[in-house]
Every structure is written in structure tokens, then in C-alpha cells.
């Protein structure tokens, strides 16, 4: 596992994905695999417009449509290569030691599965090409990746900012414990200011839960402190992120009592949707 997989679609988030990917890659001294996936029908027009035409006219139209499909496919490929070349330029300028470009056609999950065994993490934008028109929704590809990925998923915000202050949402769930365990062995978090927050009605118990997680981070010589709060998780986390200048939110992808095979945990979904900062998700 010697690289970061950056998923790029040419949206407004792609530049930020590249900068955040480079930041991670430099911290752990690995290369980057930059991937753009063309959908099976991307660049092709599937609508049948020939049904009511006579045989000769229909044949001529089908031939013209076939030519247009080939042109669209070629244009989609050209655009894909341009997206990857732009990404390579950003990554190299940001100091990544090795960048591989991969243009695929087909289903995104199939493309990711083919390389996932050799990657340390996946980076992806919060929303895709329709981001300006879907500000209240997660990108469908992001949800699919988080549900199925075996490795951490870093969800980039629209704009890049150097990461110095980290907020960890900790609830004692299996995925939250995985987050702490992985943070403890990752060079990514060396030198960062980490706050571990547990939210519960009993604040004393919540702080004790957070302190248990902090002790694991201290054992790994990371700078961390516990914190407790009460209230609705989405509201508490959102307020802390906006008021206290955190640069990264770390969460387990699933909390307690979630239908894990079907949905992302509701708090996770809400925070990825609303947070103005990147979110790092662990399963």
C-alpha cells in the first residue's frame, strides 16, 4: 500500500482534491494514483430518434448518430486526459514524488476495487460536477465509495487550507475506535493539534470516553486533548467547526445503531453535507 488514490471528475472540487492529496502524500511519503473514470455511456447519446422514419432516412440518421457518438466518446476521452494532466501538474508542483495517471471507462466502484488493495487512502470531492446546483446533497459517487471502501476516505472541501487543527468526533463505536487506532499509527497526524470530542447527556461520562481515546493518541506521541459536550451531534459539531477554526473533521463512517450495509450514519452524512472543512472517514 504505497499510494493515495485521488478520484477526479473535473468539478470545482478537483483542484482541492489535488492539494489535499498532495498534503497527505507528503506527510506519509507515498505517491499518488490520479484516476478519472468515464461512465459506460459518457459521451454517447442513447436516445433512439429513428423510430418513425422510413428505411432510407432511418439508415442515414443512424449512421449520423453513430458518427456523433464516436465524436462524443473521443471528446470525453480528451477531456479525461486533460483533467488528469491538470491534476499531475498540481500534484508535482505540491511536491508529490510520484504521480501515476489512470483513465478508465466503466463503473467507478469497479475501477476503485481494481486498485484498492494497493492504496493507503482515497481522496474525493464532496460533490461532483453538479456541485453548484446541488449544495444540499452529497455526490452519489461519494456515498457509494464510503459504503464500500476498505480504506479511509478523505472528503475534500471546495477550497484547500493547510491543516493544523483537527477535531475528532468520537462516540465509542467500532468505526470511531478504528479512527483512533489508525490515527495513532499514521504520520499524517504528527505535529497537529487534535481535540477528541464525545457528545452525550452525561458530560462526565462523555469526557471519560474521550479521555480513553486521547490516551491512545498520547501513547503514540501525538498532541491531543479530550472534550465533552451535550446536544444534537450535528449542531454541536457544526458550531465547533465554524467557531473554533478547525481545519479537519475526523469521524467514523458509522455510529451506534446504524444500518451499516445500507446507509452512511446520519450524523456523518449531515456533517459531510454542511461542514466547510474536509472530513476524513474511517469504517
C-alpha atoms as a PDB file:
ATOM      1  CA  UNK A   1       0.000   0.000   0.000  1.00  0.00           C
ATOM      2  CA  UNK A   2       2.230   2.747  -1.283  1.00  0.00           C
ATOM      3  CA  UNK A   3      -0.019   5.426  -2.758  1.00  0.00           C
ATOM      4  CA  UNK A   4      -3.063   7.628  -2.361  1.00  0.00           C
ATOM      5  CA  UNK A   5      -5.906   7.207  -4.843  1.00  0.00           C
ATOM      6  CA  UNK A   6      -7.291  10.587  -5.948  1.00  0.00           C
ATOM      7  CA  UNK A   7     -10.657  10.414  -7.721  1.00  0.00           C
ATOM      8  CA  UNK A   8     -11.101  13.349 -10.076  1.00  0.00           C
ATOM      9  CA  UNK A   9     -14.100  14.400 -12.162  1.00  0.00           C
ATOM     10  CA  UNK A  10     -13.225  17.898 -13.358  1.00  0.00           C
ATOM     11  CA  UNK A  11     -15.662  19.574 -10.928  1.00  0.00           C
ATOM     12  CA  UNK A  12     -14.945  22.646  -8.799  1.00  0.00           C
ATOM     13  CA  UNK A  13     -13.659  20.280  -6.116  1.00  0.00           C
ATOM     14  CA  UNK A  14     -10.933  18.648  -8.232  1.00  0.00           C
ATOM     15  CA  UNK A  15      -8.268  21.271  -7.539  1.00  0.00           C
ATOM     16  CA  UNK A  16      -8.872  20.999  -3.801  1.00  0.00           C
ATOM     17  CA  UNK A  17      -8.739  17.200  -4.030  1.00  0.00           C
ATOM     18  CA  UNK A  18      -5.288  17.503  -5.625  1.00  0.00           C
ATOM     19  CA  UNK A  19      -3.922  19.901  -2.989  1.00  0.00           C
ATOM     20  CA  UNK A  20      -5.258  17.834  -0.093  1.00  0.00           C
ATOM     21  CA  UNK A  21      -3.970  14.634  -1.684  1.00  0.00           C
ATOM     22  CA  UNK A  22      -0.516  16.172  -2.029  1.00  0.00           C
ATOM     23  CA  UNK A  23      -0.584  17.257   1.628  1.00  0.00           C
ATOM     24  CA  UNK A  24      -1.350  13.687   2.736  1.00  0.00           C
ATOM     25  CA  UNK A  25       1.149  12.119   0.336  1.00  0.00           C
ATOM     26  CA  UNK A  26       3.972  14.340   1.586  1.00  0.00           C
ATOM     27  CA  UNK A  27       3.155  13.574   5.226  1.00  0.00           C
ATOM     28  CA  UNK A  28       3.406   9.819   4.702  1.00  0.00           C
ATOM     29  CA  UNK A  29       5.916   9.900   1.824  1.00  0.00           C
ATOM     30  CA  UNK A  30       3.949   7.999  -0.800  1.00  0.00           C
ATOM     31  CA  UNK A  31       2.989   8.523  -4.420  1.00  0.00           C
ATOM     32  CA  UNK A  32      -0.405   9.324  -5.900  1.00  0.00           C
ATOM     33  CA  UNK A  33      -2.615   7.483  -8.358  1.00  0.00           C
ATOM     34  CA  UNK A  34      -4.829  10.081 -10.057  1.00  0.00           C
ATOM     35  CA  UNK A  35      -7.907   8.467 -11.616  1.00  0.00           C
ATOM     36  CA  UNK A  36     -10.704   9.725 -13.842  1.00  0.00           C
ATOM     37  CA  UNK A  37     -13.471   7.289 -14.735  1.00  0.00           C
ATOM     38  CA  UNK A  38     -15.606   7.680 -17.837  1.00  0.00           C
ATOM     39  CA  UNK A  39     -19.074   6.239 -17.373  1.00  0.00           C
ATOM     40  CA  UNK A  40     -20.046   3.476 -19.769  1.00  0.00           C
ATOM     41  CA  UNK A  41     -22.376   5.853 -21.581  1.00  0.00           C
ATOM     42  CA  UNK A  42     -20.364   9.033 -21.149  1.00  0.00           C
ATOM     43  CA  UNK A  43     -20.078  10.845 -24.439  1.00  0.00           C
ATOM     44  CA  UNK A  44     -22.761   8.644 -26.017  1.00  0.00           C
ATOM     45  CA  UNK A  45     -26.339   9.546 -26.901  1.00  0.00           C
ATOM     46  CA  UNK A  46     -28.577   6.554 -26.173  1.00  0.00           C
ATOM     47  CA  UNK A  47     -31.926   8.007 -27.283  1.00  0.00           C
ATOM     48  CA  UNK A  48     -33.388   6.305 -30.376  1.00  0.00           C
ATOM     49  CA  UNK A  49     -34.585   9.055 -32.711  1.00  0.00           C
ATOM     50  CA  UNK A  50     -35.237   6.874 -35.751  1.00  0.00           C
ATOM     51  CA  UNK A  51     -38.423   5.008 -34.888  1.00  0.00           C
ATOM     52  CA  UNK A  52     -40.953   6.840 -37.124  1.00  0.00           C
ATOM     53  CA  UNK A  53     -38.712   7.317 -40.159  1.00  0.00           C
ATOM     54  CA  UNK A  54     -38.660   5.413 -43.434  1.00  0.00           C
ATOM     55  CA  UNK A  55     -35.942   2.830 -44.041  1.00  0.00           C
ATOM     56  CA  UNK A  56     -33.631   5.046 -46.089  1.00  0.00           C
ATOM     57  CA  UNK A  57     -33.964   8.057 -43.820  1.00  0.00           C
ATOM     58  CA  UNK A  58     -33.571   5.850 -40.751  1.00  0.00           C
ATOM     59  CA  UNK A  59     -30.335   4.324 -42.073  1.00  0.00           C
ATOM     60  CA  UNK A  60     -28.896   7.766 -42.825  1.00  0.00           C
ATOM     61  CA  UNK A  61     -29.867   9.057 -39.394  1.00  0.00           C
ATOM     62  CA  UNK A  62     -28.427   6.046 -37.597  1.00  0.00           C
ATOM     63  CA  UNK A  63     -25.157   6.481 -39.461  1.00  0.00           C
ATOM     64  CA  UNK A  64     -25.029  10.160 -38.458  1.00  0.00           C
ATOM     65  CA  UNK A  65     -25.865   9.332 -34.843  1.00  0.00           C
ATOM     66  CA  UNK A  66     -23.109   6.720 -34.827  1.00  0.00           C
ATOM     67  CA  UNK A  67     -20.644   9.344 -36.036  1.00  0.00           C
ATOM     68  CA  UNK A  68     -21.805  11.759 -33.327  1.00  0.00           C
ATOM     69  CA  UNK A  69     -21.457   9.060 -30.657  1.00  0.00           C
ATOM     70  CA  UNK A  70     -17.883   8.425 -31.744  1.00  0.00           C
ATOM     71  CA  UNK A  71     -17.154  12.160 -31.600  1.00  0.00           C
ATOM     72  CA  UNK A  72     -18.671  12.459 -28.127  1.00  0.00           C
ATOM     73  CA  UNK A  73     -16.663   9.474 -26.928  1.00  0.00           C
ATOM     74  CA  UNK A  74     -13.453  10.955 -28.292  1.00  0.00           C
ATOM     75  CA  UNK A  75     -14.256  14.319 -26.686  1.00  0.00           C
ATOM     76  CA  UNK A  76     -14.934  12.649 -23.325  1.00  0.00           C
ATOM     77  CA  UNK A  77     -11.583  10.874 -23.522  1.00  0.00           C
ATOM     78  CA  UNK A  78      -9.788  14.095 -24.440  1.00  0.00           C
ATOM     79  CA  UNK A  79     -11.434  15.861 -21.514  1.00  0.00           C
ATOM     80  CA  UNK A  80     -10.465  12.987 -19.200  1.00  0.00           C
ATOM     81  CA  UNK A  81      -6.818  13.225 -20.256  1.00  0.00           C
ATOM     82  CA  UNK A  82      -6.909  16.998 -19.700  1.00  0.00           C
ATOM     83  CA  UNK A  83      -8.333  16.538 -16.175  1.00  0.00           C
ATOM     84  CA  UNK A  84      -5.540  14.103 -15.321  1.00  0.00           C
ATOM     85  CA  UNK A  85      -2.801  16.266 -16.838  1.00  0.00           C
ATOM     86  CA  UNK A  86      -4.000  19.272 -14.828  1.00  0.00           C
ATOM     87  CA  UNK A  87      -4.004  17.120 -11.688  1.00  0.00           C
ATOM     88  CA  UNK A  88      -0.482  15.902 -12.371  1.00  0.00           C
ATOM     89  CA  UNK A  89       0.761  19.474 -12.683  1.00  0.00           C
ATOM     90  CA  UNK A  90      -0.763  20.457  -9.318  1.00  0.00           C
ATOM     91  CA  UNK A  91       0.485  17.341  -7.538  1.00  0.00           C
ATOM     92  CA  UNK A  92       4.044  17.672  -8.847  1.00  0.00           C
ATOM     93  CA  UNK A  93       4.170  21.381  -8.002  1.00  0.00           C
ATOM     94  CA  UNK A  94       2.957  20.476  -4.485  1.00  0.00           C
ATOM     95  CA  UNK A  95       5.914  18.134  -4.036  1.00  0.00           C
ATOM     96  CA  UNK A  96       4.481  14.657  -4.659  1.00  0.00           C
ATOM     97  CA  UNK A  97       7.377  12.371  -5.546  1.00  0.00           C
ATOM     98  CA  UNK A  98       5.489  10.038  -7.903  1.00  0.00           C
ATOM     99  CA  UNK A  99       2.250  10.565  -9.841  1.00  0.00           C
ATOM    100  CA  UNK A 100       0.549   7.913 -11.964  1.00  0.00           C
ATOM    101  CA  UNK A 101      -2.385   8.788 -14.226  1.00  0.00           C
ATOM    102  CA  UNK A 102      -5.197   6.348 -14.892  1.00  0.00           C
ATOM    103  CA  UNK A 103      -8.127   6.912 -17.281  1.00  0.00           C
ATOM    104  CA  UNK A 104     -10.793   4.230 -17.030  1.00  0.00           C
ATOM    105  CA  UNK A 105     -14.165   3.570 -18.597  1.00  0.00           C
ATOM    106  CA  UNK A 106     -16.941   1.755 -16.747  1.00  0.00           C
ATOM    107  CA  UNK A 107     -18.299   1.762 -13.227  1.00  0.00           C
ATOM    108  CA  UNK A 108     -16.449   3.834 -10.625  1.00  0.00           C
ATOM    109  CA  UNK A 109     -16.617   1.166  -7.922  1.00  0.00           C
ATOM    110  CA  UNK A 110     -15.196  -1.477 -10.249  1.00  0.00           C
ATOM    111  CA  UNK A 111     -12.325   0.863 -11.132  1.00  0.00           C
ATOM    112  CA  UNK A 112     -11.610   1.537  -7.446  1.00  0.00           C
ATOM    113  CA  UNK A 113     -11.760  -2.148  -6.494  1.00  0.00           C
ATOM    114  CA  UNK A 114      -9.126  -2.943  -9.109  1.00  0.00           C
ATOM    115  CA  UNK A 115      -6.537  -0.770  -7.340  1.00  0.00           C
ATOM    116  CA  UNK A 116      -7.779  -0.518  -3.750  1.00  0.00           C
ATOM    117  CA  UNK A 117      -5.541  -3.255  -2.391  1.00  0.00           C
ATOM    118  CA  UNK A 118      -2.535  -1.075  -3.225  1.00  0.00           C
ATOM    119  CA  UNK A 119      -3.713   2.248  -1.781  1.00  0.00           C
ATOM    120  CA  UNK A 120      -3.499   3.756   1.695  1.00  0.00           C
ATOM    121  CA  UNK A 121      -6.493   6.080   1.337  1.00  0.00           C
ATOM    122  CA  UNK A 122      -8.935   7.539  -1.177  1.00  0.00           C
ATOM    123  CA  UNK A 123      -9.475  11.258  -1.727  1.00  0.00           C
ATOM    124  CA  UNK A 124     -12.629  12.566  -3.373  1.00  0.00           C
ATOM    125  CA  UNK A 125     -14.589  15.816  -3.610  1.00  0.00           C
ATOM    126  CA  UNK A 126     -17.693  16.299  -1.502  1.00  0.00           C
ATOM    127  CA  UNK A 127     -19.822  16.774  -4.588  1.00  0.00           C
ATOM    128  CA  UNK A 128     -19.288  16.184  -8.266  1.00  0.00           C
ATOM    129  CA  UNK A 129     -19.782  18.065 -11.490  1.00  0.00           C
ATOM    130  CA  UNK A 130     -23.216  19.338 -10.467  1.00  0.00           C
ATOM    131  CA  UNK A 131     -21.855  20.813  -7.229  1.00  0.00           C
ATOM    132  CA  UNK A 132     -23.051  24.347  -7.911  1.00  0.00           C
ATOM    133  CA  UNK A 133     -26.594  23.056  -8.357  1.00  0.00           C
ATOM    134  CA  UNK A 134     -26.691  20.512  -5.523  1.00  0.00           C
ATOM    135  CA  UNK A 135     -25.320  22.246  -2.462  1.00  0.00           C
ATOM    136  CA  UNK A 136     -27.637  20.357  -0.118  1.00  0.00           C
ATOM    137  CA  UNK A 137     -26.740  16.883  -1.346  1.00  0.00           C
ATOM    138  CA  UNK A 138     -23.772  14.551  -1.252  1.00  0.00           C
ATOM    139  CA  UNK A 139     -22.333  13.358  -4.506  1.00  0.00           C
ATOM    140  CA  UNK A 140     -23.732   9.918  -5.316  1.00  0.00           C
ATOM    141  CA  UNK A 141     -20.252   8.592  -6.063  1.00  0.00           C
ATOM    142  CA  UNK A 142     -19.045   9.732  -2.652  1.00  0.00           C
ATOM    143  CA  UNK A 143     -21.794   7.803  -0.883  1.00  0.00           C
ATOM    144  CA  UNK A 144     -21.027   4.686  -2.916  1.00  0.00           C
ATOM    145  CA  UNK A 145     -17.308   4.940  -2.163  1.00  0.00           C
ATOM    146  CA  UNK A 146     -17.812   5.424   1.585  1.00  0.00           C
ATOM    147  CA  UNK A 147     -20.200   2.456   1.783  1.00  0.00           C
ATOM    148  CA  UNK A 148     -17.800   0.046   0.097  1.00  0.00           C
ATOM    149  CA  UNK A 149     -14.242   1.286   0.640  1.00  0.00           C
ATOM    150  CA  UNK A 150     -11.842  -0.742   2.737  1.00  0.00           C
ATOM    151  CA  UNK A 151      -9.534   2.227   3.326  1.00  0.00           C
ATOM    152  CA  UNK A 152     -10.049   5.711   4.838  1.00  0.00           C
ATOM    153  CA  UNK A 153     -11.874   8.203   2.623  1.00  0.00           C
ATOM    154  CA  UNK A 154     -10.777  11.840   2.709  1.00  0.00           C
ATOM    155  CA  UNK A 155     -13.607  14.115   1.558  1.00  0.00           C
ATOM    156  CA  UNK A 156     -12.128  17.377   0.307  1.00  0.00           C
ATOM    157  CA  UNK A 157     -13.819  20.712   0.832  1.00  0.00           C
ATOM    158  CA  UNK A 158     -14.183  23.170  -2.040  1.00  0.00           C
ATOM    159  CA  UNK A 159     -11.082  25.178  -1.075  1.00  0.00           C
ATOM    160  CA  UNK A 160      -7.720  23.975   0.246  1.00  0.00           C
ATOM    161  CA  UNK A 161      -6.326  25.251   3.528  1.00  0.00           C
ATOM    162  CA  UNK A 162      -3.255  23.886   5.370  1.00  0.00           C
ATOM    163  CA  UNK A 163      -4.341  21.535   8.151  1.00  0.00           C
ATOM    164  CA  UNK A 164      -3.131  22.264  11.660  1.00  0.00           C
ATOM    165  CA  UNK A 165      -6.115  21.786  13.984  1.00  0.00           C
ATOM    166  CA  UNK A 166      -8.123  18.543  13.978  1.00  0.00           C
ATOM    167  CA  UNK A 167     -11.480  17.737  15.570  1.00  0.00           C
ATOM    168  CA  UNK A 168     -12.274  14.059  16.131  1.00  0.00           C
ATOM    169  CA  UNK A 169     -15.930  13.139  16.655  1.00  0.00           C
ATOM    170  CA  UNK A 170     -15.731  10.135  18.961  1.00  0.00           C
ATOM    171  CA  UNK A 171     -18.684   8.046  20.147  1.00  0.00           C
ATOM    172  CA  UNK A 172     -17.022   4.788  21.108  1.00  0.00           C
ATOM    173  CA  UNK A 173     -18.427   2.932  18.088  1.00  0.00           C
ATOM    174  CA  UNK A 174     -16.353   0.400  16.185  1.00  0.00           C
ATOM    175  CA  UNK A 175     -15.607   2.812  13.335  1.00  0.00           C
ATOM    176  CA  UNK A 176     -14.697   5.594  15.785  1.00  0.00           C
ATOM    177  CA  UNK A 177     -12.271   3.268  17.567  1.00  0.00           C
ATOM    178  CA  UNK A 178     -10.800   2.337  14.198  1.00  0.00           C
ATOM    179  CA  UNK A 179     -10.277   6.044  13.511  1.00  0.00           C
ATOM    180  CA  UNK A 180      -8.303   6.486  16.735  1.00  0.00           C
ATOM    181  CA  UNK A 181      -6.255   3.321  16.157  1.00  0.00           C
ATOM    182  CA  UNK A 182      -5.372   4.400  12.610  1.00  0.00           C
ATOM    183  CA  UNK A 183      -4.576   7.968  13.659  1.00  0.00           C
ATOM    184  CA  UNK A 184      -2.180   6.619  16.283  1.00  0.00           C
ATOM    185  CA  UNK A 185      -0.042   4.885  13.663  1.00  0.00           C
ATOM    186  CA  UNK A 186      -0.287   7.472  10.881  1.00  0.00           C
ATOM    187  CA  UNK A 187       2.390  10.128  10.252  1.00  0.00           C
ATOM    188  CA  UNK A 188      -0.397  12.347   8.894  1.00  0.00           C
ATOM    189  CA  UNK A 189      -1.273  13.496  12.410  1.00  0.00           C
ATOM    190  CA  UNK A 190       2.236  14.166  13.669  1.00  0.00           C
ATOM    191  CA  UNK A 191       2.588  17.791  14.749  1.00  0.00           C
ATOM    192  CA  UNK A 192      -1.138  18.539  14.571  1.00  0.00           C
ATOM    193  CA  UNK A 193      -3.343  19.835  17.386  1.00  0.00           C
ATOM    194  CA  UNK A 194      -6.022  17.158  17.965  1.00  0.00           C
ATOM    195  CA  UNK A 195      -9.217  17.555  20.011  1.00  0.00           C
ATOM    196  CA  UNK A 196     -11.262  14.429  20.710  1.00  0.00           C
ATOM    197  CA  UNK A 197     -14.912  15.300  21.305  1.00  0.00           C
ATOM    198  CA  UNK A 198     -17.515  12.987  22.798  1.00  0.00           C
ATOM    199  CA  UNK A 199     -21.122  14.166  22.874  1.00  0.00           C
ATOM    200  CA  UNK A 200     -23.550  12.783  25.447  1.00  0.00           C
ATOM    201  CA  UNK A 201     -26.181  13.711  28.015  1.00  0.00           C
ATOM    202  CA  UNK A 202     -23.799  12.737  30.823  1.00  0.00           C
ATOM    203  CA  UNK A 203     -20.855  15.077  30.182  1.00  0.00           C
ATOM    204  CA  UNK A 204     -18.638  13.481  32.839  1.00  0.00           C
ATOM    205  CA  UNK A 205     -19.052  10.093  31.211  1.00  0.00           C
ATOM    206  CA  UNK A 206     -18.574  11.640  27.764  1.00  0.00           C
ATOM    207  CA  UNK A 207     -15.308  13.252  28.836  1.00  0.00           C
ATOM    208  CA  UNK A 208     -14.090   9.949  30.275  1.00  0.00           C
ATOM    209  CA  UNK A 209     -14.889   8.271  26.948  1.00  0.00           C
ATOM    210  CA  UNK A 210     -12.970  10.958  25.069  1.00  0.00           C
ATOM    211  CA  UNK A 211     -10.061  10.639  27.517  1.00  0.00           C
ATOM    212  CA  UNK A 212      -9.750   6.923  26.737  1.00  0.00           C
ATOM    213  CA  UNK A 213      -9.280   7.759  23.073  1.00  0.00           C
ATOM    214  CA  UNK A 214      -6.826  10.538  23.889  1.00  0.00           C
ATOM    215  CA  UNK A 215      -4.691   8.153  25.935  1.00  0.00           C
ATOM    216  CA  UNK A 216      -4.127   6.032  22.808  1.00  0.00           C
ATOM    217  CA  UNK A 217      -3.050   9.110  20.867  1.00  0.00           C
ATOM    218  CA  UNK A 218      -0.726  10.208  23.680  1.00  0.00           C
ATOM    219  CA  UNK A 219       0.857   6.752  23.659  1.00  0.00           C
ATOM    220  CA  UNK A 220       1.702   7.415  20.007  1.00  0.00           C
ATOM    221  CA  UNK A 221       3.262  10.776  20.971  1.00  0.00           C
ATOM    222  CA  UNK A 222       0.504  12.809  19.330  1.00  0.00           C
ATOM    223  CA  UNK A 223      -0.747  16.110  20.742  1.00  0.00           C
ATOM    224  CA  UNK A 224      -4.363  15.569  21.787  1.00  0.00           C
ATOM    225  CA  UNK A 225      -6.861  16.646  24.430  1.00  0.00           C
ATOM    226  CA  UNK A 226     -10.356  15.393  25.411  1.00  0.00           C
ATOM    227  CA  UNK A 227     -13.538  17.395  25.281  1.00  0.00           C
ATOM    228  CA  UNK A 228     -17.177  16.721  26.137  1.00  0.00           C
ATOM    229  CA  UNK A 229     -20.432  18.357  25.152  1.00  0.00           C
ATOM    230  CA  UNK A 230     -24.166  17.713  25.195  1.00  0.00           C
ATOM    231  CA  UNK A 231     -26.755  18.296  22.492  1.00  0.00           C
ATOM    232  CA  UNK A 232     -27.503  17.147  18.978  1.00  0.00           C
ATOM    233  CA  UNK A 233     -24.244  15.916  17.390  1.00  0.00           C
ATOM    234  CA  UNK A 234     -24.787  17.736  14.087  1.00  0.00           C
ATOM    235  CA  UNK A 235     -25.409  21.062  15.847  1.00  0.00           C
ATOM    236  CA  UNK A 236     -22.538  20.714  18.344  1.00  0.00           C
ATOM    237  CA  UNK A 237     -20.014  19.659  15.709  1.00  0.00           C
ATOM    238  CA  UNK A 238     -21.138  22.314  13.268  1.00  0.00           C
ATOM    239  CA  UNK A 239     -20.800  25.051  15.881  1.00  0.00           C
ATOM    240  CA  UNK A 240     -17.322  23.950  16.955  1.00  0.00           C
ATOM    241  CA  UNK A 241     -16.087  23.696  13.384  1.00  0.00           C
ATOM    242  CA  UNK A 242     -17.343  27.165  12.488  1.00  0.00           C
ATOM    243  CA  UNK A 243     -16.387  28.971  15.706  1.00  0.00           C
ATOM    244  CA  UNK A 244     -13.066  27.432  16.736  1.00  0.00           C
ATOM    245  CA  UNK A 245     -11.152  27.233  13.492  1.00  0.00           C
ATOM    246  CA  UNK A 246     -10.737  23.502  12.989  1.00  0.00           C
ATOM    247  CA  UNK A 247      -9.175  22.507   9.665  1.00  0.00           C
ATOM    248  CA  UNK A 248     -10.190  18.831   9.524  1.00  0.00           C
ATOM    249  CA  UNK A 249     -13.017  16.746  10.975  1.00  0.00           C
ATOM    250  CA  UNK A 250     -12.308  13.047  11.604  1.00  0.00           C
ATOM    251  CA  UNK A 251     -15.213  10.642  12.072  1.00  0.00           C
ATOM    252  CA  UNK A 252     -16.169   7.013  11.935  1.00  0.00           C
ATOM    253  CA  UNK A 253     -18.384   6.478   8.923  1.00  0.00           C
ATOM    254  CA  UNK A 254     -20.959   4.745  11.112  1.00  0.00           C
ATOM    255  CA  UNK A 255     -22.032   5.409  14.678  1.00  0.00           C
ATOM    256  CA  UNK A 256     -24.097   3.253  17.016  1.00  0.00           C
ATOM    257  CA  UNK A 257     -27.262   1.562  15.739  1.00  0.00           C
ATOM    258  CA  UNK A 258     -26.822   2.386  12.056  1.00  0.00           C
ATOM    259  CA  UNK A 259     -27.945   0.081   9.258  1.00  0.00           C
ATOM    260  CA  UNK A 260     -24.381  -0.170   8.082  1.00  0.00           C
ATOM    261  CA  UNK A 261     -24.923  -2.082   4.852  1.00  0.00           C
ATOM    262  CA  UNK A 262     -27.487   0.427   3.557  1.00  0.00           C
ATOM    263  CA  UNK A 263     -26.698   3.977   4.647  1.00  0.00           C
ATOM    264  CA  UNK A 264     -23.936   6.192   5.896  1.00  0.00           C
ATOM    265  CA  UNK A 265     -24.512   7.109   9.544  1.00  0.00           C
ATOM    266  CA  UNK A 266     -26.902  10.065   9.753  1.00  0.00           C
ATOM    267  CA  UNK A 267     -24.546  12.295  11.744  1.00  0.00           C
ATOM    268  CA  UNK A 268     -21.765  11.546   9.270  1.00  0.00           C
ATOM    269  CA  UNK A 269     -23.974  12.403   6.318  1.00  0.00           C
ATOM    270  CA  UNK A 270     -25.106  15.665   7.918  1.00  0.00           C
ATOM    271  CA  UNK A 271     -21.560  16.754   8.726  1.00  0.00           C
ATOM    272  CA  UNK A 272     -20.153  15.935   5.308  1.00  0.00           C
ATOM    273  CA  UNK A 273     -23.015  17.922   3.769  1.00  0.00           C
ATOM    274  CA  UNK A 274     -22.667  21.016   5.957  1.00  0.00           C
ATOM    275  CA  UNK A 275     -19.038  21.239   7.102  1.00  0.00           C
ATOM    276  CA  UNK A 276     -16.910  23.809   5.282  1.00  0.00           C
ATOM    277  CA  UNK A 277     -13.783  21.794   6.076  1.00  0.00           C
ATOM    278  CA  UNK A 278     -12.533  18.391   4.860  1.00  0.00           C
ATOM    279  CA  UNK A 279     -13.882  15.255   6.531  1.00  0.00           C
ATOM    280  CA  UNK A 280     -11.820  12.099   6.982  1.00  0.00           C
ATOM    281  CA  UNK A 281     -13.963   8.966   7.303  1.00  0.00           C
ATOM    282  CA  UNK A 282     -12.971   5.609   8.735  1.00  0.00           C
ATOM    283  CA  UNK A 283     -15.029   2.423   8.573  1.00  0.00           C
END
